[in-house]
Amino acid sequence: MGLTYADIELISGDDLVLFARGYLEEDGIKRVQTNALVDSGAYMLAVNERIKQQLNLRKLDEQVAELADGQLVKLEIVGPVEIRFKNRRAILDAMVVPGEAEVLLGAIPLESLDVIIDPVQQQLVVNPDSPDIAKKSLK
């Protein structure tokens, strides 16, 4: 089985608020189109330093993350960032990974977007049980 990637859009959550309140024109909203590695074994959204700068994301916190090789590193938590995929959107925080690492879409954003990995097609798809609108469990 290979890796799954998805074309997503990342948008500055702060810019969306400024736009909604009339302080920023729509064309001033910072956004990035990217191809993200989809990994349900990972936890959060991870962006690299370049995307953090492009979206001007604020540092909110620091947390320790365990990398795939078992190494523990302290990473910045930034946000808010809006993720858009097809007819879905979610607003989340992101971990900042060093260098030019690829964007990683983990379990929390997958749940929040109500999307699933189609292992046969090796692609991210909108949940077929709720194709028109995201569904969340409150129990």
C-alpha atoms as a PDB file:
ATOM      1  CA  MET A   1       0.000   0.000   0.000  1.00  0.00           C
ATOM      2  CA  GLY A   2       1.371   3.429  -0.968  1.00  0.00           C
ATOM      3  CA  LEU A   3       1.118   6.868   0.514  1.00  0.00           C
ATOM      4  CA  THR A   4      -1.995   9.019   0.237  1.00  0.00           C
ATOM      5  CA  TYR A   5      -1.820  12.704  -0.641  1.00  0.00           C
ATOM      6  CA  ALA A   6      -4.560  15.322  -0.887  1.00  0.00           C
ATOM      7  CA  ASP A   7      -4.739  18.778  -2.417  1.00  0.00           C
ATOM      8  CA  ILE A   8      -5.833  21.145   0.344  1.00  0.00           C
ATOM      9  CA  GLU A   9      -5.996  24.874   0.903  1.00  0.00           C
ATOM     10  CA  LEU A  10      -4.625  26.438   4.080  1.00  0.00           C
ATOM     11  CA  ILE A  11      -5.890  29.902   5.048  1.00  0.00           C
ATOM     12  CA  SER A  12      -4.905  32.311   7.806  1.00  0.00           C
ATOM     13  CA  GLY A  13      -7.670  32.171  10.402  1.00  0.00           C
ATOM     14  CA  ASP A  14      -6.735  35.649  11.635  1.00  0.00           C
ATOM     15  CA  ASP A  15      -7.167  37.035   8.113  1.00  0.00           C
ATOM     16  CA  LEU A  16     -10.610  35.450   7.836  1.00  0.00           C
ATOM     17  CA  VAL A  17     -11.677  37.222  11.029  1.00  0.00           C
ATOM     18  CA  LEU A  18     -10.273  40.558   9.810  1.00  0.00           C
ATOM     19  CA  PHE A  19     -12.130  40.100   6.501  1.00  0.00           C
ATOM     20  CA  ALA A  20     -15.401  39.217   8.272  1.00  0.00           C
ATOM     21  CA  ARG A  21     -15.106  42.367  10.399  1.00  0.00           C
ATOM     22  CA  GLY A  22     -14.378  44.582   7.390  1.00  0.00           C
ATOM     23  CA  TYR A  23     -10.713  45.311   8.198  1.00  0.00           C
ATOM     24  CA  LEU A  24      -9.250  43.349   5.259  1.00  0.00           C
ATOM     25  CA  GLU A  25     -10.199  42.979   1.619  1.00  0.00           C
ATOM     26  CA  GLU A  26     -10.851  39.451   0.377  1.00  0.00           C
ATOM     27  CA  ASP A  27      -7.810  39.534  -1.884  1.00  0.00           C
ATOM     28  CA  GLY A  28      -5.671  40.289   1.202  1.00  0.00           C
ATOM     29  CA  ILE A  29      -6.475  36.940   2.858  1.00  0.00           C
ATOM     30  CA  LYS A  30      -3.300  34.851   2.996  1.00  0.00           C
ATOM     31  CA  ARG A  31      -3.807  31.351   1.587  1.00  0.00           C
ATOM     32  CA  VAL A  32      -1.671  28.473   0.341  1.00  0.00           C
ATOM     33  CA  GLN A  33      -2.572  25.578  -1.937  1.00  0.00           C
ATOM     34  CA  THR A  34      -0.554  22.479  -1.041  1.00  0.00           C
ATOM     35  CA  ASN A  35      -0.390  18.741  -1.486  1.00  0.00           C
ATOM     36  CA  ALA A  36      -0.492  17.185   2.000  1.00  0.00           C
ATOM     37  CA  LEU A  37       0.537  13.718   3.116  1.00  0.00           C
ATOM     38  CA  VAL A  38      -2.519  12.102   4.721  1.00  0.00           C
ATOM     39  CA  ASP A  39      -1.554  10.073   7.782  1.00  0.00           C
ATOM     40  CA  SER A  40      -4.238   8.808  10.144  1.00  0.00           C
ATOM     41  CA  GLY A  41      -1.465   7.611  12.482  1.00  0.00           C
ATOM     42  CA  ALA A  42      -0.328  11.200  13.026  1.00  0.00           C
ATOM     43  CA  TYR A  43      -2.235  13.479  15.380  1.00  0.00           C
ATOM     44  CA  MET A  44      -2.373  17.077  14.132  1.00  0.00           C
ATOM     45  CA  LEU A  45      -1.897  19.249  11.115  1.00  0.00           C
ATOM     46  CA  ALA A  46       1.812  19.887  10.554  1.00  0.00           C
ATOM     47  CA  VAL A  47       3.122  22.724   8.395  1.00  0.00           C
ATOM     48  CA  ASN A  48       6.675  23.767   7.591  1.00  0.00           C
ATOM     49  CA  GLU A  49       8.386  27.081   8.375  1.00  0.00           C
ATOM     50  CA  ARG A  50       7.717  28.479   4.887  1.00  0.00           C
ATOM     51  CA  ILE A  51       3.950  27.971   5.199  1.00  0.00           C
ATOM     52  CA  LYS A  52       3.969  29.423   8.716  1.00  0.00           C
ATOM     53  CA  GLN A  53       5.598  32.557   7.278  1.00  0.00           C
ATOM     54  CA  GLN A  54       3.378  32.716   4.175  1.00  0.00           C
ATOM     55  CA  LEU A  55       0.234  32.621   6.327  1.00  0.00           C
ATOM     56  CA  ASN A  56       1.787  34.758   9.085  1.00  0.00           C
ATOM     57  CA  LEU A  57       0.574  32.254  11.692  1.00  0.00           C
ATOM     58  CA  ARG A  58       0.923  33.272  15.352  1.00  0.00           C
ATOM     59  CA  LYS A  59       2.853  31.130  17.812  1.00  0.00           C
ATOM     60  CA  LEU A  60       0.343  29.945  20.416  1.00  0.00           C
ATOM     61  CA  ASP A  61       2.309  27.360  22.362  1.00  0.00           C
ATOM     62  CA  GLU A  62       5.075  24.765  22.232  1.00  0.00           C
ATOM     63  CA  GLN A  63       4.613  21.014  22.557  1.00  0.00           C
ATOM     64  CA  VAL A  64       6.813  17.943  22.364  1.00  0.00           C
ATOM     65  CA  ALA A  65       6.206  15.734  19.347  1.00  0.00           C
ATOM     66  CA  GLU A  66       7.476  12.249  18.620  1.00  0.00           C
ATOM     67  CA  LEU A  67       8.739  11.962  15.049  1.00  0.00           C
ATOM     68  CA  ALA A  68       8.505   8.851  12.873  1.00  0.00           C
ATOM     69  CA  ASP A  69      12.061   7.866  13.877  1.00  0.00           C
ATOM     70  CA  GLY A  70      11.174   8.037  17.598  1.00  0.00           C
ATOM     71  CA  GLN A  71      13.003  11.326  18.178  1.00  0.00           C
ATOM     72  CA  LEU A  72      11.307  13.766  20.587  1.00  0.00           C
ATOM     73  CA  VAL A  73      11.390  17.422  19.524  1.00  0.00           C
ATOM     74  CA  LYS A  74       9.834  20.607  20.881  1.00  0.00           C
ATOM     75  CA  LEU A  75       7.735  22.237  18.145  1.00  0.00           C
ATOM     76  CA  GLU A  76       5.793  25.477  17.898  1.00  0.00           C
ATOM     77  CA  ILE A  77       2.013  25.342  17.828  1.00  0.00           C
ATOM     78  CA  VAL A  78       0.625  28.041  15.534  1.00  0.00           C
ATOM     79  CA  GLY A  79      -2.782  29.122  14.358  1.00  0.00           C
ATOM     80  CA  PRO A  80      -5.513  29.475  13.748  1.00  0.00           C
ATOM     81  CA  VAL A  81      -5.413  27.942  10.283  1.00  0.00           C
ATOM     82  CA  GLU A  82      -8.435  27.000   8.198  1.00  0.00           C
ATOM     83  CA  ILE A  83      -8.155  23.830   6.122  1.00  0.00           C
ATOM     84  CA  ARG A  84     -10.342  23.447   3.053  1.00  0.00           C
ATOM     85  CA  PHE A  85     -10.868  20.215   1.144  1.00  0.00           C
ATOM     86  CA  LYS A  86     -13.658  19.879  -1.425  1.00  0.00           C
ATOM     87  CA  ASN A  87     -16.880  20.959   0.374  1.00  0.00           C
ATOM     88  CA  ARG A  88     -15.295  20.756   3.850  1.00  0.00           C
ATOM     89  CA  ARG A  89     -13.580  23.246   6.135  1.00  0.00           C
ATOM     90  CA  ALA A  90     -12.075  23.087   9.601  1.00  0.00           C
ATOM     91  CA  ILE A  91     -10.223  25.585  11.788  1.00  0.00           C
ATOM     92  CA  LEU A  92      -7.328  24.129  13.747  1.00  0.00           C
ATOM     93  CA  ASP A  93      -3.919  24.775  15.238  1.00  0.00           C
ATOM     94  CA  ALA A  94      -0.841  23.335  13.536  1.00  0.00           C
ATOM     95  CA  MET A  95       2.580  22.092  14.574  1.00  0.00           C
ATOM     96  CA  VAL A  96       5.518  23.657  12.755  1.00  0.00           C
ATOM     97  CA  VAL A  97       8.075  21.149  11.510  1.00  0.00           C
ATOM     98  CA  PRO A  98      11.536  22.395  10.591  1.00  0.00           C
ATOM     99  CA  GLY A  99      12.828  23.034   7.104  1.00  0.00           C
ATOM    100  CA  GLU A 100      10.892  22.199   3.962  1.00  0.00           C
ATOM    101  CA  ALA A 101       9.067  19.158   5.372  1.00  0.00           C
ATOM    102  CA  GLU A 102       5.839  18.272   3.621  1.00  0.00           C
ATOM    103  CA  VAL A 103       2.477  19.241   5.088  1.00  0.00           C
ATOM    104  CA  LEU A 104       0.993  16.430   7.153  1.00  0.00           C
ATOM    105  CA  LEU A 105      -2.744  15.946   7.630  1.00  0.00           C
ATOM    106  CA  GLY A 106      -3.274  13.898  10.802  1.00  0.00           C
ATOM    107  CA  ALA A 107      -6.229  12.292  12.562  1.00  0.00           C
ATOM    108  CA  ILE A 108      -7.634  15.448  14.201  1.00  0.00           C
ATOM    109  CA  PRO A 109      -8.044  17.358  10.913  1.00  0.00           C
ATOM    110  CA  LEU A 110      -9.380  14.228   9.193  1.00  0.00           C
ATOM    111  CA  GLU A 111     -12.058  13.852  11.874  1.00  0.00           C
ATOM    112  CA  SER A 112     -12.849  17.547  11.850  1.00  0.00           C
ATOM    113  CA  LEU A 113     -13.260  17.577   8.057  1.00  0.00           C
ATOM    114  CA  ASP A 114     -15.317  14.334   8.128  1.00  0.00           C
ATOM    115  CA  VAL A 115     -13.216  12.740   5.408  1.00  0.00           C
ATOM    116  CA  ILE A 116     -11.867   9.231   4.991  1.00  0.00           C
ATOM    117  CA  ILE A 117      -8.950   7.561   3.269  1.00  0.00           C
ATOM    118  CA  ASP A 118      -9.980   5.335   0.374  1.00  0.00           C
ATOM    119  CA  PRO A 119      -7.269   2.649   0.542  1.00  0.00           C
ATOM    120  CA  VAL A 120      -8.097   1.138  -2.855  1.00  0.00           C
ATOM    121  CA  GLN A 121      -7.859   4.444  -4.743  1.00  0.00           C
ATOM    122  CA  GLN A 122      -5.205   5.781  -2.319  1.00  0.00           C
ATOM    123  CA  GLN A 123      -6.994   9.096  -2.039  1.00  0.00           C
ATOM    124  CA  LEU A 124      -8.764  11.269   0.478  1.00  0.00           C
ATOM    125  CA  VAL A 125     -12.537  11.435  -0.050  1.00  0.00           C
ATOM    126  CA  VAL A 126     -15.497  13.132   1.565  1.00  0.00           C
ATOM    127  CA  ASN A 127     -17.271  10.702   3.885  1.00  0.00           C
ATOM    128  CA  PRO A 128     -19.819   8.928   1.639  1.00  0.00           C
ATOM    129  CA  ASP A 129     -22.210   8.612   4.627  1.00  0.00           C
ATOM    130  CA  SER A 130     -22.410  12.428   4.775  1.00  0.00           C
ATOM    131  CA  PRO A 131     -21.523  13.723   1.307  1.00  0.00           C
ATOM    132  CA  ASP A 132     -23.237  17.119   1.471  1.00  0.00           C
ATOM    133  CA  ILE A 133     -22.293  18.364   4.933  1.00  0.00           C
ATOM    134  CA  ALA A 134     -19.748  17.291   7.547  1.00  0.00           C
ATOM    135  CA  LYS A 135     -21.119  15.205  10.397  1.00  0.00           C
ATOM    136  CA  LYS A 136     -19.699  15.295  13.937  1.00  0.00           C
ATOM    137  CA  SER A 137     -20.274  13.053  16.909  1.00  0.00           C
ATOM    138  CA  LEU A 138     -21.100  14.823  20.178  1.00  0.00           C
ATOM    139  CA  LYS A 139     -21.213  11.718  22.328  1.00  0.00           C
END
